[in-house]
C-alpha atoms as a PDB file:
ATOM      1  CA  UNK A   1     -54.270-184.708  -7.961  1.00  0.00           C
ATOM      2  CA  UNK A   2     -51.169-183.225  -6.390  1.00  0.00           C
ATOM      3  CA  UNK A   3     -50.926-179.667  -5.086  1.00  0.00           C
ATOM      4  CA  UNK A   4     -48.742-178.775  -8.071  1.00  0.00           C
ATOM      5  CA  UNK A   5     -51.581-179.734 -10.403  1.00  0.00           C
ATOM      6  CA  UNK A   6     -54.161-177.442  -8.788  1.00  0.00           C
ATOM      7  CA  UNK A   7     -52.519-174.204  -9.934  1.00  0.00           C
ATOM      8  CA  UNK A   8     -52.141-175.558 -13.444  1.00  0.00           C
ATOM      9  CA  UNK A   9     -55.727-176.812 -13.627  1.00  0.00           C
ATOM     10  CA  UNK A  10     -57.174-173.696 -11.989  1.00  0.00           C
ATOM     11  CA  UNK A  11     -55.451-171.339 -14.408  1.00  0.00           C
ATOM     12  CA  UNK A  12     -56.909-172.924 -17.511  1.00  0.00           C
ATOM     13  CA  UNK A  13     -60.254-173.983 -16.058  1.00  0.00           C
ATOM     14  CA  UNK A  14     -61.207-170.642 -14.539  1.00  0.00           C
ATOM     15  CA  UNK A  15     -60.253-168.747 -17.684  1.00  0.00           C
ATOM     16  CA  UNK A  16     -62.170-171.241 -19.825  1.00  0.00           C
ATOM     17  CA  UNK A  17     -65.228-170.810 -17.613  1.00  0.00           C
ATOM     18  CA  UNK A  18     -65.071-167.073 -18.264  1.00  0.00           C
ATOM     19  CA  UNK A  19     -64.668-167.687 -21.996  1.00  0.00           C
ATOM     20  CA  UNK A  20     -67.680-169.996 -21.970  1.00  0.00           C
ATOM     21  CA  UNK A  21     -69.779-167.389 -20.157  1.00  0.00           C
ATOM     22  CA  UNK A  22     -68.534-164.604 -22.411  1.00  0.00           C
ATOM     23  CA  UNK A  23     -69.095-166.405 -25.686  1.00  0.00           C
ATOM     24  CA  UNK A  24     -72.509-167.562 -24.481  1.00  0.00           C
ATOM     25  CA  UNK A  25     -73.580-164.026 -23.636  1.00  0.00           C
ATOM     26  CA  UNK A  26     -72.159-162.649 -26.890  1.00  0.00           C
ATOM     27  CA  UNK A  27     -73.907-165.403 -28.858  1.00  0.00           C
ATOM     28  CA  UNK A  28     -77.211-164.514 -27.220  1.00  0.00           C
ATOM     29  CA  UNK A  29     -76.692-160.917 -28.313  1.00  0.00           C
ATOM     30  CA  UNK A  30     -75.845-161.984 -31.867  1.00  0.00           C
ATOM     31  CA  UNK A  31     -78.848-164.293 -32.176  1.00  0.00           C
ATOM     32  CA  UNK A  32     -81.155-161.560 -30.900  1.00  0.00           C
ATOM     33  CA  UNK A  33     -79.653-159.026 -33.297  1.00  0.00           C
ATOM     34  CA  UNK A  34     -79.997-161.421 -36.232  1.00  0.00           C
ATOM     35  CA  UNK A  35     -83.610-162.144 -35.298  1.00  0.00           C
ATOM     36  CA  UNK A  36     -84.388-158.447 -35.226  1.00  0.00           C
ATOM     37  CA  UNK A  37     -82.649-157.962 -38.588  1.00  0.00           C
ATOM     38  CA  UNK A  38     -84.603-160.802 -40.170  1.00  0.00           C
ATOM     39  CA  UNK A  39     -87.911-159.589 -38.755  1.00  0.00           C
ATOM     40  CA  UNK A  40     -87.232-156.110 -40.191  1.00  0.00           C
ATOM     41  CA  UNK A  41     -86.195-157.584 -43.565  1.00  0.00           C
ATOM     42  CA  UNK A  42     -82.693-156.132 -43.101  1.00  0.00           C
ATOM     43  CA  UNK A  43     -79.450-157.869 -43.986  1.00  0.00           C
ATOM     44  CA  UNK A  44     -78.174-159.690 -40.911  1.00  0.00           C
ATOM     45  CA  UNK A  45     -74.470-158.837 -40.414  1.00  0.00           C
ATOM     46  CA  UNK A  46     -72.285-161.933 -40.473  1.00  0.00           C
ATOM     47  CA  UNK A  47     -69.569-159.879 -38.710  1.00  0.00           C
ATOM     48  CA  UNK A  48     -71.353-160.510 -35.407  1.00  0.00           C
ATOM     49  CA  UNK A  49     -69.607-163.906 -35.362  1.00  0.00           C
ATOM     50  CA  UNK A  50     -66.353-162.028 -34.758  1.00  0.00           C
ATOM     51  CA  UNK A  51     -67.834-160.424 -31.651  1.00  0.00           C
ATOM     52  CA  UNK A  52     -69.042-163.810 -30.399  1.00  0.00           C
ATOM     53  CA  UNK A  53     -65.521-165.246 -30.672  1.00  0.00           C
ATOM     54  CA  UNK A  54     -63.703-162.419 -28.881  1.00  0.00           C
ATOM     55  CA  UNK A  55     -63.881-163.975 -25.369  1.00  0.00           C
ATOM     56  CA  UNK A  56     -62.108-167.151 -26.528  1.00  0.00           C
ATOM     57  CA  UNK A  57     -58.659-165.565 -26.528  1.00  0.00           C
ATOM     58  CA  UNK A  58     -58.511-165.470 -22.736  1.00  0.00           C
ATOM     59  CA  UNK A  59     -58.404-169.267 -22.719  1.00  0.00           C
ATOM     60  CA  UNK A  60     -55.382-169.115 -25.022  1.00  0.00           C
ATOM     61  CA  UNK A  61     -53.655-166.672 -22.679  1.00  0.00           C
ATOM     62  CA  UNK A  62     -54.416-169.034 -19.797  1.00  0.00           C
ATOM     63  CA  UNK A  63     -52.859-171.927 -21.717  1.00  0.00           C
ATOM     64  CA  UNK A  64     -49.661-169.898 -22.086  1.00  0.00           C
ATOM     65  CA  UNK A  65     -49.603-168.977 -18.387  1.00  0.00           C
ATOM     66  CA  UNK A  66     -50.535-172.546 -17.446  1.00  0.00           C
ATOM     67  CA  UNK A  67     -47.440-173.820 -19.264  1.00  0.00           C
ATOM     68  CA  UNK A  68     -45.204-171.506 -17.223  1.00  0.00           C
ATOM     69  CA  UNK A  69     -46.938-172.511 -13.993  1.00  0.00           C
ATOM     70  CA  UNK A  70     -46.527-176.190 -14.899  1.00  0.00           C
ATOM     71  CA  UNK A  71     -42.803-175.683 -15.521  1.00  0.00           C
ATOM     72  CA  UNK A  72     -42.415-173.932 -12.167  1.00  0.00           C
ATOM     73  CA  UNK A  73     -44.474-176.663 -10.445  1.00  0.00           C
ATOM     74  CA  UNK A  74     -42.203-179.339 -11.884  1.00  0.00           C
ATOM     75  CA  UNK A  75     -39.275-177.478 -10.322  1.00  0.00           C
ATOM     76  CA  UNK A  76     -40.940-177.549  -6.902  1.00  0.00           C
ATOM     77  CA  UNK A  77     -42.822-174.235  -6.970  1.00  0.00           C
ATOM     78  CA  UNK A  78     -46.575-175.061  -7.142  1.00  0.00           C
ATOM     79  CA  UNK A  79     -47.724-171.411  -7.581  1.00  0.00           C
ATOM     80  CA  UNK A  80     -51.291-172.321  -6.630  1.00  0.00           C
ATOM     81  CA  UNK A  81     -52.291-168.702  -6.031  1.00  0.00           C
ATOM     82  CA  UNK A  82     -51.025-167.581  -9.408  1.00  0.00           C
ATOM     83  CA  UNK A  83     -53.052-170.282 -11.087  1.00  0.00           C
ATOM     84  CA  UNK A  84     -56.240-169.482  -9.218  1.00  0.00           C
ATOM     85  CA  UNK A  85     -56.089-165.709  -9.344  1.00  0.00           C
ATOM     86  CA  UNK A  86     -54.616-165.603 -12.848  1.00  0.00           C
ATOM     87  CA  UNK A  87     -57.410-167.830 -14.130  1.00  0.00           C
ATOM     88  CA  UNK A  88     -59.996-165.735 -12.310  1.00  0.00           C
ATOM     89  CA  UNK A  89     -58.639-162.483 -13.735  1.00  0.00           C
ATOM     90  CA  UNK A  90     -58.609-163.803 -17.276  1.00  0.00           C
ATOM     91  CA  UNK A  91     -62.005-165.435 -16.819  1.00  0.00           C
ATOM     92  CA  UNK A  92     -63.594-162.215 -15.595  1.00  0.00           C
ATOM     93  CA  UNK A  93     -62.094-160.373 -18.552  1.00  0.00           C
ATOM     94  CA  UNK A  94     -63.678-162.908 -20.912  1.00  0.00           C
ATOM     95  CA  UNK A  95     -67.038-162.714 -19.156  1.00  0.00           C
ATOM     96  CA  UNK A  96     -67.190-158.923 -19.271  1.00  0.00           C
ATOM     97  CA  UNK A  97     -65.921-158.912 -22.835  1.00  0.00           C
ATOM     98  CA  UNK A  98     -68.826-161.157 -23.772  1.00  0.00           C
ATOM     99  CA  UNK A  99     -71.278-158.715 -22.209  1.00  0.00           C
ATOM    100  CA  UNK A 100     -69.705-155.848 -24.138  1.00  0.00           C
ATOM    101  CA  UNK A 101     -69.731-157.948 -27.317  1.00  0.00           C
ATOM    102  CA  UNK A 102     -73.464-158.579 -26.901  1.00  0.00           C
ATOM    103  CA  UNK A 103     -73.969-154.815 -26.839  1.00  0.00           C
ATOM    104  CA  UNK A 104     -71.744-154.443 -29.892  1.00  0.00           C
ATOM    105  CA  UNK A 105     -73.856-157.037 -31.721  1.00  0.00           C
ATOM    106  CA  UNK A 106     -77.025-155.132 -30.921  1.00  0.00           C
ATOM    107  CA  UNK A 107     -75.567-151.786 -31.959  1.00  0.00           C
ATOM    108  CA  UNK A 108     -73.999-152.975 -35.203  1.00  0.00           C
ATOM    109  CA  UNK A 109     -77.112-154.831 -36.323  1.00  0.00           C
ATOM    110  CA  UNK A 110     -79.307-151.837 -35.545  1.00  0.00           C
ATOM    111  CA  UNK A 111     -77.169-149.096 -37.100  1.00  0.00           C
ATOM    112  CA  UNK A 112     -74.714-150.836 -39.418  1.00  0.00           C
ATOM    113  CA  UNK A 113     -72.094-148.430 -38.088  1.00  0.00           C
ATOM    114  CA  UNK A 114     -69.321-148.308 -35.504  1.00  0.00           C
ATOM    115  CA  UNK A 115     -67.516-151.595 -36.126  1.00  0.00           C
ATOM    116  CA  UNK A 116     -64.079-150.134 -35.438  1.00  0.00           C
ATOM    117  CA  UNK A 117     -65.258-148.484 -32.226  1.00  0.00           C
ATOM    118  CA  UNK A 118     -66.761-151.750 -30.968  1.00  0.00           C
ATOM    119  CA  UNK A 119     -63.596-153.700 -31.743  1.00  0.00           C
ATOM    120  CA  UNK A 120     -61.483-151.103 -29.920  1.00  0.00           C
ATOM    121  CA  UNK A 121     -63.763-151.267 -26.860  1.00  0.00           C
ATOM    122  CA  UNK A 122     -63.574-155.079 -26.838  1.00  0.00           C
ATOM    123  CA  UNK A 123     -59.802-154.869 -27.189  1.00  0.00           C
ATOM    124  CA  UNK A 124     -59.571-152.652 -24.129  1.00  0.00           C
ATOM    125  CA  UNK A 125     -61.457-155.241 -22.073  1.00  0.00           C
ATOM    126  CA  UNK A 126     -59.124-157.912 -23.467  1.00  0.00           C
ATOM    127  CA  UNK A 127     -56.125-155.912 -22.268  1.00  0.00           C
ATOM    128  CA  UNK A 128     -56.981-156.880 -18.691  1.00  0.00           C
ATOM    129  CA  UNK A 129     -56.347-160.542 -19.517  1.00  0.00           C
ATOM    130  CA  UNK A 130     -53.104-159.690 -21.296  1.00  0.00           C
ATOM    131  CA  UNK A 131     -51.915-157.720 -18.268  1.00  0.00           C
ATOM    132  CA  UNK A 132     -52.731-160.640 -15.979  1.00  0.00           C
ATOM    133  CA  UNK A 133     -50.826-163.078 -18.182  1.00  0.00           C
ATOM    134  CA  UNK A 134     -47.771-160.873 -18.752  1.00  0.00           C
ATOM    135  CA  UNK A 135     -47.385-159.607 -15.198  1.00  0.00           C
ATOM    136  CA  UNK A 136     -47.829-163.043 -13.623  1.00  0.00           C
ATOM    137  CA  UNK A 137     -45.380-164.584 -16.081  1.00  0.00           C
ATOM    138  CA  UNK A 138     -42.903-161.926 -15.010  1.00  0.00           C
ATOM    139  CA  UNK A 139     -43.424-162.927 -11.386  1.00  0.00           C
ATOM    140  CA  UNK A 140     -42.885-166.581 -12.197  1.00  0.00           C
ATOM    141  CA  UNK A 141     -39.456-165.718 -13.576  1.00  0.00           C
ATOM    142  CA  UNK A 142     -38.647-163.743 -10.425  1.00  0.00           C
ATOM    143  CA  UNK A 143     -40.004-166.385  -8.050  1.00  0.00           C
ATOM    144  CA  UNK A 144     -39.007-169.607  -9.746  1.00  0.00           C
ATOM    145  CA  UNK A 145     -35.787-168.371 -11.261  1.00  0.00           C
END
């Protein structure tokens, strides 16, 4: 693997690791909430699946940034740091979003209320990944021309 490939691979891989952690944590929260609903003979909310999937979007953002880094790398600008730190930033956003989603699963299953509030809170955590993607893409234009 060439140096140019490390930034590209790091961007996607680190973000995907965060998405895997986040979806895993959110899924644990959903399964626990469903179990509690079933044991209490309550309707188990299918909407919890939405919360489980929230942390996946950071991998998509990383794919977009990865494409820009790959283009810059092909032009002789490896941008290794942008790949590593961009992937880490998006990955951490996904991980923390998964933890918040697990809490949203628990709360929604218990009360049946607050869906909009939970989605807004998860969206705020997601904003971190969007900022990372957008601001780094802006720097790639400045740096790589």
